[in-house]
PDB file of all heavy atoms in Angstrom:
ATOM      1  N   CYS A   1     106.489 155.784-131.081  1.00  0.00           N
ATOM      2  CA  CYS A   1     107.153 156.023-129.800  1.00  0.00           C
ATOM      3  C   CYS A   1     107.859 157.377-129.871  1.00  0.00           C
ATOM      4  O   CYS A   1     108.280 157.802-130.944  1.00  0.00           O
ATOM      5  CB  CYS A   1     108.154 154.917-129.471  1.00  0.00           C
ATOM      6  SG  CYS A   1     109.537 154.780-130.634  1.00  0.00           S
ATOM      7  N   ASP A   2     107.959 158.057-128.737  1.00  0.00           N
ATOM      8  CA  ASP A   2     108.677 159.328-128.670  1.00  0.00           C
ATOM      9  C   ASP A   2     110.177 159.073-128.751  1.00  0.00           C
ATOM     10  O   ASP A   2     110.689 158.132-128.138  1.00  0.00           O
ATOM     11  CB  ASP A   2     108.347 160.062-127.371  1.00  0.00           C
ATOM     12  CG  ASP A   2     106.987 160.738-127.427  1.00  0.00           C
ATOM     13  OD1 ASP A   2     106.340 160.678-128.494  1.00  0.00           O
ATOM     14  OD2 ASP A   2     106.581 161.320-126.403  1.00  0.00           O
ATOM     15  N   LEU A   3     110.884 159.933-129.480  1.00  0.00           N
ATOM     16  CA  LEU A   3     112.334 159.841-129.613  1.00  0.00           C
ATOM     17  C   LEU A   3     112.922 161.194-129.251  1.00  0.00           C
ATOM     18  O   LEU A   3     112.698 162.174-129.961  1.00  0.00           O
ATOM     19  CB  LEU A   3     112.721 159.439-131.046  1.00  0.00           C
ATOM     20  CG  LEU A   3     112.184 158.077-131.511  1.00  0.00           C
ATOM     21  CD1 LEU A   3     112.419 157.881-132.995  1.00  0.00           C
ATOM     22  CD2 LEU A   3     112.836 156.949-130.707  1.00  0.00           C
ATOM     23  N   VAL A   4     113.653 161.245-128.147  1.00  0.00           N
ATOM     24  CA  VAL A   4     114.117 162.507-127.585  1.00  0.00           C
ATOM     25  C   VAL A   4     115.643 162.503-127.504  1.00  0.00           C
ATOM     26  O   VAL A   4     116.241 161.489-127.135  1.00  0.00           O
ATOM     27  CB  VAL A   4     113.515 162.750-126.185  1.00  0.00           C
ATOM     28  CG1 VAL A   4     113.914 164.121-125.657  1.00  0.00           C
ATOM     29  CG2 VAL A   4     111.994 162.598-126.217  1.00  0.00           C
ATOM     30  N   ILE A   5     116.251 163.637-127.840  1.00  0.00           N
ATOM     31  CA  ILE A   5     117.705 163.807-127.771  1.00  0.00           C
ATOM     32  C   ILE A   5     118.020 164.948-126.808  1.00  0.00           C
ATOM     33  O   ILE A   5     117.462 166.045-126.938  1.00  0.00           O
ATOM     34  CB  ILE A   5     118.291 164.125-129.154  1.00  0.00           C
ATOM     35  CG1 ILE A   5     117.999 162.979-130.135  1.00  0.00           C
ATOM     36  CG2 ILE A   5     119.795 164.385-129.056  1.00  0.00           C
ATOM     37  CD1 ILE A   5     118.327 163.327-131.570  1.00  0.00           C
ATOM     38  N   VAL A   6     118.907 164.688-125.852  1.00  0.00           N
ATOM     39  CA  VAL A   6     119.318 165.706-124.885  1.00  0.00           C
ATOM     40  C   VAL A   6     120.846 165.706-124.796  1.00  0.00           C
ATOM     41  O   VAL A   6     121.452 164.666-124.525  1.00  0.00           O
ATOM     42  CB  VAL A   6     118.727 165.438-123.480  1.00  0.00           C
ATOM     43  CG1 VAL A   6     119.132 166.558-122.526  1.00  0.00           C
ATOM     44  CG2 VAL A   6     117.210 165.304-123.543  1.00  0.00           C
ATOM     45  N   THR A   7     121.457 166.855-125.052  1.00  0.00           N
ATOM     46  CA  THR A   7     122.899 166.980-124.834  1.00  0.00           C
ATOM     47  C   THR A   7     123.120 167.866-123.605  1.00  0.00           C
ATOM     48  O   THR A   7     122.386 168.837-123.384  1.00  0.00           O
ATOM     49  CB  THR A   7     123.606 167.603-126.044  1.00  0.00           C
ATOM     50  OG1 THR A   7     123.250 168.981-126.166  1.00  0.00           O
ATOM     51  CG2 THR A   7     123.238 166.856-127.322  1.00  0.00           C
ATOM     52  N   THR A   8     124.114 167.508-122.796  1.00  0.00           N
ATOM     53  CA  THR A   8     124.397 168.254-121.568  1.00  0.00           C
ATOM     54  C   THR A   8     125.888 168.550-121.466  1.00  0.00           C
ATOM     55  O   THR A   8     126.714 167.941-122.162  1.00  0.00           O
ATOM     56  CB  THR A   8     123.964 167.449-120.328  1.00  0.00           C
ATOM     57  OG1 THR A   8     124.730 166.239-120.260  1.00  0.00           O
ATOM     58  CG2 THR A   8     122.496 167.113-120.389  1.00  0.00           C
ATOM     59  N   TYR A   9     126.208 169.463-120.563  1.00  0.00           N
ATOM     60  CA  TYR A   9     127.602 169.772-120.246  1.00  0.00           C
ATOM     61  C   TYR A   9     127.674 169.905-118.736  1.00  0.00           C
ATOM     62  O   TYR A   9     127.670 171.007-118.180  1.00  0.00           O
ATOM     63  CB  TYR A   9     128.050 171.055-120.945  1.00  0.00           C
ATOM     64  CG  TYR A   9     129.542 171.284-120.897  1.00  0.00           C
ATOM     65  CD1 TYR A   9     130.380 170.694-121.831  1.00  0.00           C
ATOM     66  CD2 TYR A   9     130.102 172.082-119.903  1.00  0.00           C
ATOM     67  CE1 TYR A   9     131.749 170.887-121.784  1.00  0.00           C
ATOM     68  CE2 TYR A   9     131.476 172.290-119.845  1.00  0.00           C
ATOM     69  CZ  TYR A   9     132.290 171.685-120.779  1.00  0.00           C
ATOM     70  OH  TYR A   9     133.658 171.882-120.734  1.00  0.00           O
ATOM     71  N   GLU A  10     127.678 168.740-118.069  1.00  0.00           N
ATOM     72  CA  GLU A  10     127.596 168.704-116.610  1.00  0.00           C
ATOM     73  C   GLU A  10     128.679 167.782-116.036  1.00  0.00           C
ATOM     74  O   GLU A  10     128.971 166.724-116.612  1.00  0.00           O
ATOM     75  CB  GLU A  10     126.229 168.177-116.164  1.00  0.00           C
ATOM     76  CG  GLU A  10     125.050 169.015-116.611  1.00  0.00           C
ATOM     77  CD  GLU A  10     124.950 170.334-115.876  1.00  0.00           C
ATOM     78  OE1 GLU A  10     125.562 170.443-114.796  1.00  0.00           O
ATOM     79  OE2 GLU A  10     124.254 171.230-116.371  1.00  0.00           O
ATOM     80  N   PRO A  11     129.272 168.147-114.881  1.00  0.00           N
ATOM     81  CA  PRO A  11     130.185 167.225-114.205  1.00  0.00           C
ATOM     82  C   PRO A  11     129.378 166.079-113.597  1.00  0.00           C
ATOM     83  O   PRO A  11     128.550 166.295-112.712  1.00  0.00           O
ATOM     84  CB  PRO A  11     130.831 168.092-113.122  1.00  0.00           C
ATOM     85  CG  PRO A  11     129.850 169.196-112.879  1.00  0.00           C
ATOM     86  CD  PRO A  11     129.159 169.448-114.167  1.00  0.00           C
ATOM     87  N   VAL A  12     129.607 164.884-114.084  1.00  0.00           N
ATOM     88  CA  VAL A  12     128.802 163.742-113.640  1.00  0.00           C
ATOM     89  C   VAL A  12     129.636 162.675-112.934  1.00  0.00           C
ATOM     90  O   VAL A  12     129.112 161.602-112.596  1.00  0.00           O
ATOM     91  CB  VAL A  12     128.077 163.095-114.847  1.00  0.00           C
ATOM     92  CG1 VAL A  12     126.988 164.023-115.361  1.00  0.00           C
ATOM     93  CG2 VAL A  12     129.049 162.725-115.947  1.00  0.00           C
ATOM     94  N   GLY A  13     130.917 162.949-112.694  1.00  0.00           N
ATOM     95  CA  GLY A  13     131.736 161.987-111.962  1.00  0.00           C
ATOM     96  C   GLY A  13     132.972 161.572-112.728  1.00  0.00           C
ATOM     97  O   GLY A  13     132.948 161.451-113.953  1.00  0.00           O
ATOM     98  N   GLU A  14     134.040 161.332-111.980  1.00  0.00           N
ATOM     99  CA  GLU A  14     135.297 160.929-112.606  1.00  0.00           C
ATOM    100  C   GLU A  14     135.276 159.467-113.027  1.00  0.00           C
ATOM    101  O   GLU A  14     135.813 159.104-114.070  1.00  0.00           O
ATOM    102  CB  GLU A  14     136.461 161.169-111.629  1.00  0.00           C
ATOM    103  CG  GLU A  14     136.690 162.638-111.282  1.00  0.00           C
ATOM    104  CD  GLU A  14     137.224 163.432-112.463  1.00  0.00           C
ATOM    105  OE1 GLU A  14     137.742 162.804-113.408  1.00  0.00           O
ATOM    106  OE2 GLU A  14     137.111 164.679-112.436  1.00  0.00           O
ATOM    107  N   ARG A  15     134.677 158.612-112.208  1.00  0.00           N
ATOM    108  CA  ARG A  15     134.681 157.186-112.508  1.00  0.00           C
ATOM    109  C   ARG A  15     133.540 156.831-113.465  1.00  0.00           C
ATOM    110  O   ARG A  15     132.463 157.439-113.409  1.00  0.00           O
ATOM    111  CB  ARG A  15     134.535 156.381-111.222  1.00  0.00           C
ATOM    112  CG  ARG A  15     135.690 156.559-110.242  1.00  0.00           C
ATOM    113  CD  ARG A  15     135.457 155.754-108.983  1.00  0.00           C
ATOM    114  NE  ARG A  15     134.225 156.156-108.299  1.00  0.00           N
ATOM    115  CZ  ARG A  15     133.764 155.572-107.185  1.00  0.00           C
ATOM    116  NH1 ARG A  15     134.440 154.561-106.656  1.00  0.00           N
ATOM    117  NH2 ARG A  15     132.656 155.997-106.621  1.00  0.00           N
ATOM    118  N   PRO A  16     133.753 155.846-114.361  1.00  0.00           N
ATOM    119  CA  PRO A  16     132.706 155.444-115.306  1.00  0.00           C
ATOM    120  C   PRO A  16     131.410 155.066-114.607  1.00  0.00           C
ATOM    121  O   PRO A  16     130.318 155.394-115.100  1.00  0.00           O
ATOM    122  CB  PRO A  16     133.333 154.240-116.032  1.00  0.00           C
ATOM    123  CG  PRO A  16     134.806 154.484-115.938  1.00  0.00           C
ATOM    124  CD  PRO A  16     135.027 155.134-114.605  1.00  0.00           C
ATOM    125  N   TYR A  17     131.506 154.374-113.469  1.00  0.00           N
ATOM    126  CA  TYR A  17     130.287 153.970-112.770  1.00  0.00           C
ATOM    127  C   TYR A  17     129.499 155.188-112.297  1.00  0.00           C
ATOM    128  O   TYR A  17     128.264 155.226-112.398  1.00  0.00           O
ATOM    129  CB  TYR A  17     130.637 153.082-111.577  1.00  0.00           C
ATOM    130  CG  TYR A  17     129.434 152.710-110.744  1.00  0.00           C
ATOM    131  CD1 TYR A  17     128.591 151.678-111.133  1.00  0.00           C
ATOM    132  CD2 TYR A  17     129.121 153.422-109.575  1.00  0.00           C
ATOM    133  CE1 TYR A  17     127.467 151.344-110.384  1.00  0.00           C
ATOM    134  CE2 TYR A  17     128.011 153.092-108.818  1.00  0.00           C
ATOM    135  CZ  TYR A  17     127.190 152.053-109.228  1.00  0.00           C
ATOM    136  OH  TYR A  17     126.080 151.731-108.493  1.00  0.00           O
ATOM    137  N   ASP A  18     130.195 156.202-111.788  1.00  0.00           N
ATOM    138  CA  ASP A  18     129.521 157.411-111.325  1.00  0.00           C
ATOM    139  C   ASP A  18     128.858 158.139-112.490  1.00  0.00           C
ATOM    140  O   ASP A  18     127.744 158.663-112.351  1.00  0.00           O
ATOM    141  CB  ASP A  18     130.519 158.333-110.630  1.00  0.00           C
ATOM    142  CG  ASP A  18     131.068 157.730-109.336  1.00  0.00           C
ATOM    143  OD1 ASP A  18     130.354 156.904-108.727  1.00  0.00           O
ATOM    144  OD2 ASP A  18     132.211 158.061-108.959  1.00  0.00           O
ATOM    145  N   ARG A  19     129.552 158.196-113.612  1.00  0.00           N
ATOM    146  CA  ARG A  19     128.978 158.871-114.782  1.00  0.00           C
ATOM    147  C   ARG A  19     127.713 158.153-115.245  1.00  0.00           C
ATOM    148  O   ARG A  19     126.699 158.783-115.572  1.00  0.00           O
ATOM    149  CB  ARG A  19     130.011 158.912-115.911  1.00  0.00           C
ATOM    150  CG  ARG A  19     131.233 159.758-115.607  1.00  0.00           C
ATOM    151  CD  ARG A  19     131.975 160.125-116.869  1.00  0.00           C
ATOM    152  NE  ARG A  19     132.528 158.970-117.566  1.00  0.00           N
ATOM    153  CZ  ARG A  19     133.772 158.544-117.414  1.00  0.00           C
ATOM    154  NH1 ARG A  19     134.584 159.161-116.555  1.00  0.00           N
ATOM    155  NH2 ARG A  19     134.213 157.506-118.090  1.00  0.00           N
ATOM    156  N   GLU A  20     127.781 156.833-115.270  1.00  0.00           N
ATOM    157  CA  GLU A  20     126.630 156.048-115.711  1.00  0.00           C
ATOM    158  C   GLU A  20     125.442 156.242-114.776  1.00  0.00           C
ATOM    159  O   GLU A  20     124.311 156.439-115.226  1.00  0.00           O
ATOM    160  CB  GLU A  20     127.020 154.570-115.779  1.00  0.00           C
ATOM    161  CG  GLU A  20     125.905 153.660-116.258  1.00  0.00           C
ATOM    162  CD  GLU A  20     126.364 152.237-116.421  1.00  0.00           C
ATOM    163  OE1 GLU A  20     127.525 152.020-116.841  1.00  0.00           O
ATOM    164  OE2 GLU A  20     125.567 151.322-116.136  1.00  0.00           O
ATOM    165  N   ALA A  21     125.700 156.185-113.476  1.00  0.00           N
ATOM    166  CA  ALA A  21     124.621 156.339-112.498  1.00  0.00           C
ATOM    167  C   ALA A  21     124.003 157.733-112.571  1.00  0.00           C
ATOM    168  O   ALA A  21     122.771 157.891-112.507  1.00  0.00           O
ATOM    169  CB  ALA A  21     125.149 156.062-111.092  1.00  0.00           C
ATOM    170  N   SER A  22     124.835 158.749-112.731  1.00  0.00           N
ATOM    171  CA  SER A  22     124.324 160.124-112.800  1.00  0.00           C
ATOM    172  C   SER A  22     123.482 160.344-114.055  1.00  0.00           C
ATOM    173  O   SER A  22     122.398 160.936-114.000  1.00  0.00           O
ATOM    174  CB  SER A  22     125.493 161.119-112.781  1.00  0.00           C
ATOM    175  OG  SER A  22     126.213 161.045-111.563  1.00  0.00           O
ATOM    176  N   LEU A  23     123.988 159.857-115.187  1.00  0.00           N
ATOM    177  CA  LEU A  23     123.239 160.044-116.432  1.00  0.00           C
ATOM    178  C   LEU A  23     121.935 159.264-116.433  1.00  0.00           C
ATOM    179  O   LEU A  23     120.934 159.709-116.996  1.00  0.00           O
ATOM    180  CB  LEU A  23     124.094 159.627-117.624  1.00  0.00           C
ATOM    181  CG  LEU A  23     125.054 160.672-118.177  1.00  0.00           C
ATOM    182  CD1 LEU A  23     125.683 160.189-119.469  1.00  0.00           C
ATOM    183  CD2 LEU A  23     124.355 162.002-118.421  1.00  0.00           C
ATOM    184  N   GLN A  24     121.945 158.100-115.811  1.00  0.00           N
ATOM    185  CA  GLN A  24     120.705 157.326-115.726  1.00  0.00           C
ATOM    186  C   GLN A  24     119.615 158.126-115.020  1.00  0.00           C
ATOM    187  O   GLN A  24     118.482 158.218-115.498  1.00  0.00           O
ATOM    188  CB  GLN A  24     120.952 156.021-114.976  1.00  0.00           C
ATOM    189  CG  GLN A  24     119.685 155.220-114.708  1.00  0.00           C
ATOM    190  CD  GLN A  24     119.950 154.004-113.854  1.00  0.00           C
ATOM    191  OE1 GLN A  24     120.859 153.223-114.140  1.00  0.00           O
ATOM    192  NE2 GLN A  24     119.169 153.836-112.803  1.00  0.00           N
ATOM    193  N   VAL A  25     119.964 158.708-113.889  1.00  0.00           N
ATOM    194  CA  VAL A  25     118.989 159.504-113.129  1.00  0.00           C
ATOM    195  C   VAL A  25     118.562 160.732-113.919  1.00  0.00           C
ATOM    196  O   VAL A  25     117.360 161.058-113.995  1.00  0.00           O
ATOM    197  CB  VAL A  25     119.584 159.913-111.771  1.00  0.00           C
ATOM    198  CG1 VAL A  25     118.641 160.868-111.044  1.00  0.00           C
ATOM    199  CG2 VAL A  25     119.855 158.678-110.918  1.00  0.00           C
ATOM    200  N   MET A  26     119.516 161.405-114.538  1.00  0.00           N
ATOM    201  CA  MET A  26     119.205 162.616-115.302  1.00  0.00           C
ATOM    202  C   MET A  26     118.288 162.307-116.481  1.00  0.00           C
ATOM    203  O   MET A  26     117.315 163.024-116.738  1.00  0.00           O
ATOM    204  CB  MET A  26     120.499 163.264-115.791  1.00  0.00           C
ATOM    205  CG  MET A  26     121.358 163.856-114.678  1.00  0.00           C
ATOM    206  SD  MET A  26     123.028 164.302-115.246  1.00  0.00           S
ATOM    207  CE  MET A  26     122.645 165.516-116.521  1.00  0.00           C
ATOM    208  N   ALA A  27     118.584 161.226-117.206  1.00  0.00           N
ATOM    209  CA  ALA A  27     117.778 160.866-118.371  1.00  0.00           C
ATOM    210  C   ALA A  27     116.372 160.455-117.963  1.00  0.00           C
ATOM    211  O   ALA A  27     115.370 160.886-118.569  1.00  0.00           O
ATOM    212  CB  ALA A  27     118.459 159.743-119.145  1.00  0.00           C
ATOM    213  N   ASP A  28     116.268 159.602-116.935  1.00  0.00           N
ATOM    214  CA  ASP A  28     114.950 159.158-116.484  1.00  0.00           C
ATOM    215  C   ASP A  28     114.107 160.324-115.975  1.00  0.00           C
ATOM    216  O   ASP A  28     112.912 160.433-116.286  1.00  0.00           O
ATOM    217  CB  ASP A  28     115.100 158.112-115.376  1.00  0.00           C
ATOM    218  CG  ASP A  28     115.666 156.806-115.900  1.00  0.00           C
ATOM    219  OD1 ASP A  28     115.716 156.632-117.130  1.00  0.00           O
ATOM    220  OD2 ASP A  28     116.071 155.960-115.076  1.00  0.00           O
ATOM    221  N   ASP A  29     114.723 161.205-115.186  1.00  0.00           N
ATOM    222  CA  ASP A  29     113.982 162.348-114.649  1.00  0.00           C
ATOM    223  C   ASP A  29     113.541 163.298-115.762  1.00  0.00           C
ATOM    224  O   ASP A  29     112.435 163.857-115.706  1.00  0.00           O
ATOM    225  CB  ASP A  29     114.840 163.096-113.627  1.00  0.00           C
ATOM    226  CG  ASP A  29     115.002 162.322-112.324  1.00  0.00           C
ATOM    227  OD1 ASP A  29     114.278 161.312-112.148  1.00  0.00           O
ATOM    228  OD2 ASP A  29     115.845 162.713-111.500  1.00  0.00           O
ATOM    229  N   PHE A  30     114.392 163.483-116.758  1.00  0.00           N
ATOM    230  CA  PHE A  30     114.030 164.374-117.860  1.00  0.00           C
ATOM    231  C   PHE A  30     112.821 163.807-118.605  1.00  0.00           C
ATOM    232  O   PHE A  30     111.892 164.557-118.969  1.00  0.00           O
ATOM    233  CB  PHE A  30     115.214 164.528-118.823  1.00  0.00           C
ATOM    234  CG  PHE A  30     115.068 165.675-119.779  1.00  0.00           C
ATOM    235  CD1 PHE A  30     115.623 166.913-119.486  1.00  0.00           C
ATOM    236  CD2 PHE A  30     114.373 165.535-120.969  1.00  0.00           C
ATOM    237  CE1 PHE A  30     115.489 167.980-120.363  1.00  0.00           C
ATOM    238  CE2 PHE A  30     114.222 166.587-121.853  1.00  0.00           C
ATOM    239  CZ  PHE A  30     114.795 167.824-121.546  1.00  0.00           C
ATOM    240  N   TYR A  31     112.811 162.508-118.823  1.00  0.00           N
ATOM    241  CA  TYR A  31     111.680 161.864-119.512  1.00  0.00           C
ATOM    242  C   TYR A  31     110.405 161.972-118.668  1.00  0.00           C
ATOM    243  O   TYR A  31     109.330 162.323-119.175  1.00  0.00           O
ATOM    244  CB  TYR A  31     112.013 160.402-119.781  1.00  0.00           C
ATOM    245  CG  TYR A  31     111.084 159.722-120.764  1.00  0.00           C
ATOM    246  CD1 TYR A  31     111.388 159.667-122.112  1.00  0.00           C
ATOM    247  CD2 TYR A  31     109.903 159.113-120.326  1.00  0.00           C
ATOM    248  CE1 TYR A  31     110.547 159.042-123.018  1.00  0.00           C
ATOM    249  CE2 TYR A  31     109.050 158.493-121.215  1.00  0.00           C
ATOM    250  CZ  TYR A  31     109.382 158.447-122.565  1.00  0.00           C
ATOM    251  OH  TYR A  31     108.519 157.842-123.452  1.00  0.00           O
ATOM    252  N   ASP A  32     110.545 161.691-117.365  1.00  0.00           N
ATOM    253  CA  ASP A  32     109.384 161.730-116.486  1.00  0.00           C
ATOM    254  C   ASP A  32     108.838 163.145-116.321  1.00  0.00           C
ATOM    255  O   ASP A  32     107.624 163.380-116.426  1.00  0.00           O
ATOM    256  CB  ASP A  32     109.748 161.174-115.104  1.00  0.00           C
ATOM    257  CG  ASP A  32     110.092 159.699-115.151  1.00  0.00           C
ATOM    258  OD1 ASP A  32     109.927 159.089-116.227  1.00  0.00           O
ATOM    259  OD2 ASP A  32     110.547 159.160-114.125  1.00  0.00           O
ATOM    260  N   ASP A  33     109.728 164.098-116.050  1.00  0.00           N
ATOM    261  CA  ASP A  33     109.297 165.457-115.752  1.00  0.00           C
ATOM    262  C   ASP A  33     108.613 166.125-116.943  1.00  0.00           C
ATOM    263  O   ASP A  33     107.737 166.989-116.766  1.00  0.00           O
ATOM    264  CB  ASP A  33     110.488 166.314-115.310  1.00  0.00           C
ATOM    265  CG  ASP A  33     111.072 165.835-113.980  1.00  0.00           C
ATOM    266  OD1 ASP A  33     110.383 165.067-113.276  1.00  0.00           O
ATOM    267  OD2 ASP A  33     112.212 166.212-113.659  1.00  0.00           O
ATOM    268  N   ASN A  34     109.009 165.743-118.156  1.00  0.00           N
ATOM    269  CA  ASN A  34     108.417 166.342-119.351  1.00  0.00           C
ATOM    270  C   ASN A  34     107.248 165.535-119.907  1.00  0.00           C
ATOM    271  O   ASN A  34     106.727 165.862-120.983  1.00  0.00           O
ATOM    272  CB  ASN A  34     109.487 166.522-120.424  1.00  0.00           C
ATOM    273  CG  ASN A  34     110.438 167.661-120.109  1.00  0.00           C
ATOM    274  OD1 ASN A  34     110.131 168.828-120.300  1.00  0.00           O
ATOM    275  ND2 ASN A  34     111.613 167.307-119.588  1.00  0.00           N
ATOM    276  N   LEU A  35     106.862 164.477-119.184  1.00  0.00           N
ATOM    277  CA  LEU A  35     105.648 163.708-119.502  1.00  0.00           C
ATOM    278  C   LEU A  35     105.679 163.088-120.889  1.00  0.00           C
ATOM    279  O   LEU A  35     104.639 162.966-121.565  1.00  0.00           O
ATOM    280  CB  LEU A  35     104.403 164.616-119.379  1.00  0.00           C
ATOM    281  CG  LEU A  35     104.275 165.425-118.095  1.00  0.00           C
ATOM    282  CD1 LEU A  35     103.019 166.289-118.130  1.00  0.00           C
ATOM    283  CD2 LEU A  35     104.257 164.507-116.880  1.00  0.00           C
ATOM    284  N   PHE A  36     106.866 162.645-121.346  1.00  0.00           N
ATOM    285  CA  PHE A  36     106.965 162.043-122.668  1.00  0.00           C
ATOM    286  C   PHE A  36     106.264 160.687-122.702  1.00  0.00           C
ATOM    287  O   PHE A  36     106.050 160.044-121.680  1.00  0.00           O
ATOM    288  CB  PHE A  36     108.438 161.873-123.070  1.00  0.00           C
ATOM    289  CG  PHE A  36     109.110 163.165-123.421  1.00  0.00           C
ATOM    290  CD1 PHE A  36     110.161 163.655-122.654  1.00  0.00           C
ATOM    291  CD2 PHE A  36     108.696 163.909-124.519  1.00  0.00           C
ATOM    292  CE1 PHE A  36     110.793 164.842-122.973  1.00  0.00           C
ATOM    293  CE2 PHE A  36     109.312 165.101-124.851  1.00  0.00           C
ATOM    294  CZ  PHE A  36     110.365 165.577-124.071  1.00  0.00           C
TER     295      PHE A  36
END
């Protein structure tokens, strides 16, 4: 299986729920867009 590590420095939201939702989209899109 592919194992990918991505570190970011982005404002993703003050509340934990917002941070989680933003990172979920960012991580999924990064995996999809790079065809892993």
